[in-house]
Amino acid sequence: MRAPGRTRRAAGVLLGCVLAGVATRLFSDDSTADGLALFHKMQTALGGADKIAAIRDFEQQVRATAWNGNTGQVMGSVTKRTRWVRPNLLRVDQVGPGSTYVLFFDGQSGWEVLPGANAASVLEGGELKFAQVYVRTFRLNVWLADRDPSWRISSPSPGVVRVADGDIAHQLDFTLDPATSLPGKTTNISLSDPANPVPSEEVVTEWETVEGVHQARKWSVYRRGALVADAVVETTRLNGGLRRADLEARPSDLRPVLRKAAEGQGR
């Protein structure tokens, strides 16, 4: 999610390229042996590279409680629906206090309906950067970083995997659970508000398995150490046959399109 305001979409959450048939590791020569070893442990724990790569499209709806990171006050409930088609088609529909928006991005360009707007606008400036980072760091892409030579994989400290490409906005640090090797904490720089990038941490408290791949089911988001969101997944669907036309269709009333609670869970 993104922070409230003219261009933002609620306090901190929610949570983002390789063909499925690629089998050879293509990681950057700059990657380190210890980093790759940890990354592969994490990748195996998540379900394995081949199962991750076999995910062609992803849909998830999440419900969250948002807090003001400065005052600790509850801001309200947020619902976010994310749809993604490999490698870089993205649609986000979100409803929340001061944070209702719709976004479409195809890897190069797109549009969005900002909070309070009466028309869709072309992605540009900080809004375009937000969408680019969202797709670049989308977890089903990053979990295959060893197949993309533009990423460098290293380990800055014991039990931590860093995936980076030279742009600090793309850098992700995964702290692995010592018992399961799953990425229990992800640290990055949030562009929820592109004008004010801040350190962000996502801490997973519960996992679920969907078609053989582990997905976070419950997590909390912290910005500068302050809690800004607690999230729980309502539904996750993989390989549901999403098409570009589904993602880029603009709602006639400019309102986000959410799944009804009674619709199929897919997990």
Protein backbone atom coordinates (compact mmCIF):
# COMPACT_ATOMS: atom_id res chain seq x y z
CA MET A 1 0.00 0.00 0.00
CA ARG A 2 0.94 3.58 -0.22
CA ALA A 3 0.61 6.49 2.16
CA PRO A 4 -2.46 8.75 2.21
CA GLY A 5 -2.43 11.96 0.25
CA ARG A 6 -2.92 13.21 -3.30
CA THR A 7 -0.67 10.58 -4.84
CA ARG A 8 -0.42 7.99 -2.12
CA ARG A 9 -2.32 4.89 -1.24
CA ALA A 10 -2.24 4.06 2.49
CA ALA A 11 0.33 3.27 5.02
CA GLY A 12 2.80 0.69 4.23
CA VAL A 13 1.83 -2.65 2.93
CA LEU A 14 1.14 -5.10 0.42
CA LEU A 15 2.29 -6.14 -0.84
CA GLY A 16 5.42 -7.24 -6.91
CA CYS A 17 12.06 -11.77 -15.66
CA VAL A 18 12.27 -15.01 -16.63
CA LEU A 19 10.56 -17.57 -18.81
CA ALA A 20 9.34 -20.62 -16.95
CA GLY A 21 11.27 -22.99 -19.17
CA VAL A 22 14.71 -21.58 -18.36
CA ALA A 23 16.67 -24.12 -16.35
CA THR A 24 20.24 -22.80 -16.38
CA ARG A 25 21.50 -20.46 -13.66
CA LEU A 26 22.42 -17.09 -15.19
CA PHE A 27 23.37 -15.16 -12.06
CA SER A 28 25.78 -12.24 -12.26
CA ASP A 29 29.50 -12.97 -12.04
CA ASP A 30 29.54 -10.48 -9.15
CA SER A 31 27.32 -12.70 -7.02
CA THR A 32 29.08 -14.26 -4.04
CA ALA A 33 29.24 -17.95 -3.19
CA ASP A 34 27.82 -17.48 0.32
CA GLY A 35 25.04 -15.28 -1.02
CA LEU A 36 24.08 -17.79 -3.69
CA ALA A 37 24.14 -20.67 -1.20
CA LEU A 38 21.71 -18.83 1.10
CA PHE A 39 19.57 -17.71 -1.83
CA HIS A 40 19.23 -21.29 -3.06
CA LYS A 41 18.27 -22.46 0.45
CA MET A 42 15.55 -19.82 0.49
CA GLN A 43 14.44 -20.68 -3.03
CA THR A 44 14.18 -24.38 -2.17
CA ALA A 45 12.25 -23.63 1.02
CA LEU A 46 9.78 -21.51 -0.95
CA GLY A 47 9.01 -24.47 -3.21
CA GLY A 48 11.87 -24.63 -5.70
CA ALA A 49 12.89 -22.56 -8.71
CA ASP A 50 10.94 -24.60 -11.25
CA LYS A 51 7.65 -24.29 -9.36
CA ILE A 52 8.17 -20.56 -8.91
CA ALA A 53 9.00 -20.11 -12.60
CA ALA A 54 5.90 -22.09 -13.58
CA ILE A 55 3.70 -19.35 -12.09
CA ARG A 56 2.54 -17.42 -15.15
CA ASP A 57 0.05 -15.16 -13.42
CA PHE A 58 -0.85 -14.22 -9.86
CA GLU A 59 -3.89 -12.70 -8.17
CA GLN A 60 -4.19 -11.86 -4.51
CA GLN A 61 -6.57 -9.88 -2.34
CA VAL A 62 -5.40 -8.70 1.04
CA ARG A 63 -7.14 -7.02 3.96
CA ALA A 64 -5.09 -4.82 6.27
CA THR A 65 -5.33 -2.51 9.24
CA ALA A 66 -3.31 0.66 8.72
CA TRP A 67 -1.70 2.78 11.41
CA ASN A 68 -0.23 6.25 11.38
CA GLY A 69 3.48 5.59 11.81
CA ASN A 70 3.98 8.95 13.55
CA THR A 71 1.14 8.84 16.09
CA GLY A 72 0.36 5.14 16.37
CA GLN A 73 -3.34 5.85 15.74
CA VAL A 74 -5.41 3.40 13.71
CA MET A 75 -6.23 4.87 10.30
CA GLY A 76 -8.72 2.22 9.24
CA SER A 77 -9.13 -0.86 7.09
CA VAL A 78 -7.57 -1.25 3.65
CA THR A 79 -8.36 -3.85 0.99
CA LYS A 80 -5.95 -4.40 -1.89
CA ARG A 81 -6.27 -6.60 -4.95
CA THR A 82 -3.10 -7.27 -6.95
CA ARG A 83 -3.00 -8.94 -10.36
CA TRP A 84 0.26 -9.72 -12.17
CA VAL A 85 1.22 -11.52 -15.37
CA ARG A 86 4.81 -12.59 -15.89
CA PRO A 87 7.09 -10.79 -16.35
CA ASN A 88 5.82 -7.23 -15.91
CA LEU A 89 2.06 -6.67 -16.34
CA LEU A 90 0.58 -5.22 -13.16
CA ARG A 91 -2.85 -4.09 -11.97
CA VAL A 92 -3.56 -2.86 -8.44
CA ASP A 93 -6.99 -1.94 -7.05
CA GLN A 94 -7.07 -0.59 -3.50
CA VAL A 95 -9.73 0.83 -1.18
CA GLY A 96 -8.84 2.55 2.08
CA PRO A 97 -9.13 5.82 4.02
CA GLY A 98 -7.38 8.47 1.91
CA SER A 99 -5.75 5.73 -0.11
CA THR A 100 -8.21 4.49 -2.72
CA TYR A 101 -6.60 4.10 -6.13
CA VAL A 102 -6.32 2.01 -9.31
CA LEU A 103 -3.10 1.41 -11.24
CA PHE A 104 -2.12 -0.39 -14.47
CA PHE A 105 1.47 -0.80 -15.71
CA ASP A 106 2.87 -2.88 -18.57
CA GLY A 107 6.56 -2.56 -17.78
CA GLN A 108 7.00 0.65 -19.77
CA SER A 109 3.93 2.82 -19.35
CA GLY A 110 0.51 2.83 -17.77
CA TRP A 111 -2.20 4.83 -16.03
CA GLU A 112 -3.71 5.32 -12.61
CA VAL A 113 -6.65 6.84 -10.80
CA LEU A 114 -5.34 8.72 -7.77
CA PRO A 115 -7.25 9.38 -4.53
CA GLY A 116 -9.96 11.94 -5.19
CA ALA A 117 -9.31 12.13 -8.95
CA ASN A 118 -12.16 12.29 -11.46
CA ALA A 119 -10.15 10.84 -14.37
CA ALA A 120 -7.31 8.43 -15.03
CA SER A 121 -3.87 9.95 -15.54
CA VAL A 122 -0.75 8.73 -17.31
CA LEU A 123 1.98 7.35 -15.08
CA GLU A 124 4.88 9.78 -14.93
CA GLY A 125 7.50 11.09 -12.54
CA GLY A 126 7.38 9.53 -9.09
CA GLU A 127 4.24 7.56 -9.93
CA LEU A 128 5.99 5.90 -12.87
CA LYS A 129 9.03 5.15 -10.69
CA PHE A 130 6.75 3.56 -8.07
CA ALA A 131 5.26 1.22 -10.71
CA GLN A 132 8.69 0.36 -12.15
CA VAL A 133 10.04 -0.56 -8.73
CA TYR A 134 6.88 -2.53 -7.91
CA VAL A 135 7.35 -4.76 -10.97
CA ARG A 136 11.13 -4.98 -10.71
CA THR A 137 10.97 -6.13 -7.09
CA PHE A 138 7.82 -8.24 -7.35
CA ARG A 139 8.58 -11.32 -5.27
CA LEU A 140 7.87 -13.92 -7.97
CA ASN A 141 10.50 -12.19 -10.10
CA VAL A 142 13.03 -11.65 -7.31
CA TRP A 143 12.72 -15.25 -6.13
CA LEU A 144 14.27 -16.14 -9.51
CA ALA A 145 17.04 -13.54 -9.32
CA ASP A 146 19.69 -16.23 -9.90
CA ARG A 147 18.28 -16.62 -13.44
CA ASP A 148 18.66 -12.92 -14.25
CA PRO A 149 22.25 -11.66 -14.68
CA SER A 150 21.22 -8.07 -13.93
CA TRP A 151 20.87 -9.01 -10.24
CA ARG A 152 23.78 -9.44 -7.84
CA ILE A 153 23.21 -11.87 -4.97
CA SER A 154 25.31 -11.59 -1.81
CA SER A 155 25.15 -12.03 1.95
CA PRO A 156 25.91 -8.84 3.94
CA SER A 157 25.54 -10.65 7.28
CA PRO A 158 24.88 -14.20 8.56
CA GLY A 159 21.47 -15.49 7.51
CA VAL A 160 20.74 -12.51 5.26
CA VAL A 161 20.48 -12.62 1.46
CA ARG A 162 20.83 -9.37 -0.49
CA VAL A 163 19.49 -9.06 -4.04
CA ALA A 164 20.61 -5.83 -5.71
CA ASP A 165 21.22 -4.27 -9.11
CA GLY A 166 22.89 -0.96 -8.21
CA ASP A 167 19.65 0.98 -7.69
CA ILE A 168 18.98 1.38 -3.96
CA ALA A 169 15.23 1.41 -4.65
CA HIS A 170 15.53 -2.15 -5.98
CA GLN A 171 17.70 -3.57 -3.20
CA LEU A 172 16.08 -6.25 -1.04
CA ASP A 173 17.51 -7.92 2.06
CA PHE A 174 15.89 -11.22 3.06
CA THR A 175 16.48 -12.44 6.61
CA LEU A 176 15.99 -16.20 6.61
CA ASP A 177 14.23 -18.07 9.38
CA PRO A 178 16.94 -20.36 10.82
CA ALA A 179 14.45 -23.23 11.22
CA THR A 180 12.75 -23.09 7.79
CA SER A 181 15.02 -20.96 5.55
CA LEU A 182 11.93 -18.98 4.52
CA PRO A 183 12.37 -15.19 4.21
CA GLY A 184 10.83 -14.14 7.51
CA LYS A 185 11.79 -10.49 7.11
CA THR A 186 12.29 -8.39 3.97
CA THR A 187 14.01 -5.02 4.23
CA ASN A 188 13.96 -2.41 1.46
CA ILE A 189 13.49 1.27 0.67
CA SER A 190 9.80 2.05 0.27
CA LEU A 191 8.60 4.36 -2.50
CA SER A 192 5.04 4.34 -1.17
CA ASP A 193 5.50 8.09 -1.36
CA PRO A 194 8.10 8.63 -4.13
CA ALA A 195 8.91 12.08 -2.78
CA ASN A 196 9.82 10.62 0.62
CA PRO A 197 11.56 7.22 0.34
CA VAL A 198 11.89 5.52 3.73
CA PRO A 199 13.34 2.28 5.12
CA SER A 200 10.70 -0.44 5.27
CA GLU A 201 10.49 -3.89 6.83
CA GLU A 202 7.94 -6.61 6.11
CA VAL A 203 7.80 -9.32 8.78
CA VAL A 204 5.91 -12.52 7.93
CA THR A 205 4.05 -14.14 10.81
CA GLU A 206 2.27 -16.92 8.91
CA TRP A 207 2.84 -18.80 5.64
CA GLU A 208 0.57 -20.86 3.42
CA THR A 209 1.28 -23.15 0.47
CA VAL A 210 -0.45 -22.45 -2.86
CA GLU A 211 0.18 -24.96 -5.66
CA GLY A 212 3.41 -26.07 -4.03
CA VAL A 213 4.85 -22.58 -3.46
CA HIS A 214 4.99 -20.87 -0.07
CA GLN A 215 3.26 -17.50 0.08
CA ALA A 216 3.03 -15.12 3.01
CA ARG A 217 -0.46 -15.25 4.56
CA LYS A 218 -0.04 -12.78 7.43
CA TRP A 219 2.56 -10.06 7.83
CA SER A 220 3.29 -6.69 9.41
CA VAL A 221 4.92 -3.66 7.80
CA TYR A 222 7.18 -1.21 9.61
CA ARG A 223 8.49 2.12 8.34
CA ARG A 224 11.42 3.66 10.22
CA GLY A 225 10.70 1.06 12.89
CA ALA A 226 7.06 2.09 13.40
CA LEU A 227 4.19 -0.29 12.67
CA VAL A 228 2.12 0.98 9.73
CA ALA A 229 0.14 -2.11 8.69
CA ASP A 230 -0.95 -5.62 9.65
CA ALA A 231 -2.13 -7.64 6.65
CA VAL A 232 -3.88 -10.95 6.07
CA VAL A 233 -4.57 -12.63 2.74
CA GLU A 234 -8.20 -13.18 1.78
CA THR A 235 -7.49 -15.10 -1.43
CA THR A 236 -4.58 -16.10 -3.65
CA ARG A 237 -4.94 -17.56 -7.15
CA LEU A 238 -2.10 -18.77 -9.36
CA ASN A 239 -2.21 -19.47 -13.10
CA GLY A 240 -5.83 -18.43 -13.40
CA GLY A 241 -5.41 -17.40 -17.03
CA LEU A 242 -5.23 -13.63 -16.52
CA ARG A 243 -4.89 -11.65 -19.73
CA ARG A 244 -3.60 -8.17 -20.48
CA ALA A 245 -7.13 -7.09 -21.36
CA ASP A 246 -8.24 -8.05 -17.85
CA LEU A 247 -5.57 -5.93 -16.24
CA GLU A 248 -5.76 -2.80 -18.38
CA ALA A 249 -9.58 -2.48 -18.43
CA ARG A 250 -10.42 0.88 -16.86
CA PRO A 251 -13.39 0.86 -14.47
CA SER A 252 -16.15 3.00 -15.93
CA ASP A 253 -16.86 4.55 -12.53
CA LEU A 254 -13.13 4.94 -11.75
CA ARG A 255 -13.57 2.87 -8.61
CA PRO A 256 -11.30 -0.05 -7.67
CA VAL A 257 -12.54 -3.49 -8.67
CA LEU A 258 -12.33 -5.90 -5.73
CA ARG A 259 -13.22 -9.56 -5.40
CA LYS A 260 -16.32 -10.36 -3.41
CA ALA A 261 -15.76 -12.38 -0.25
CA ALA A 262 -17.86 -15.24 -1.61
CA GLU A 263 -15.76 -15.67 -4.74
CA GLY A 264 -13.44 -18.69 -5.00
CA GLN A 265 -10.38 -18.80 -2.80
CA GLY A 266 -7.98 -20.64 -5.09
CA ARG A 267 -5.77 -21.80 -2.28
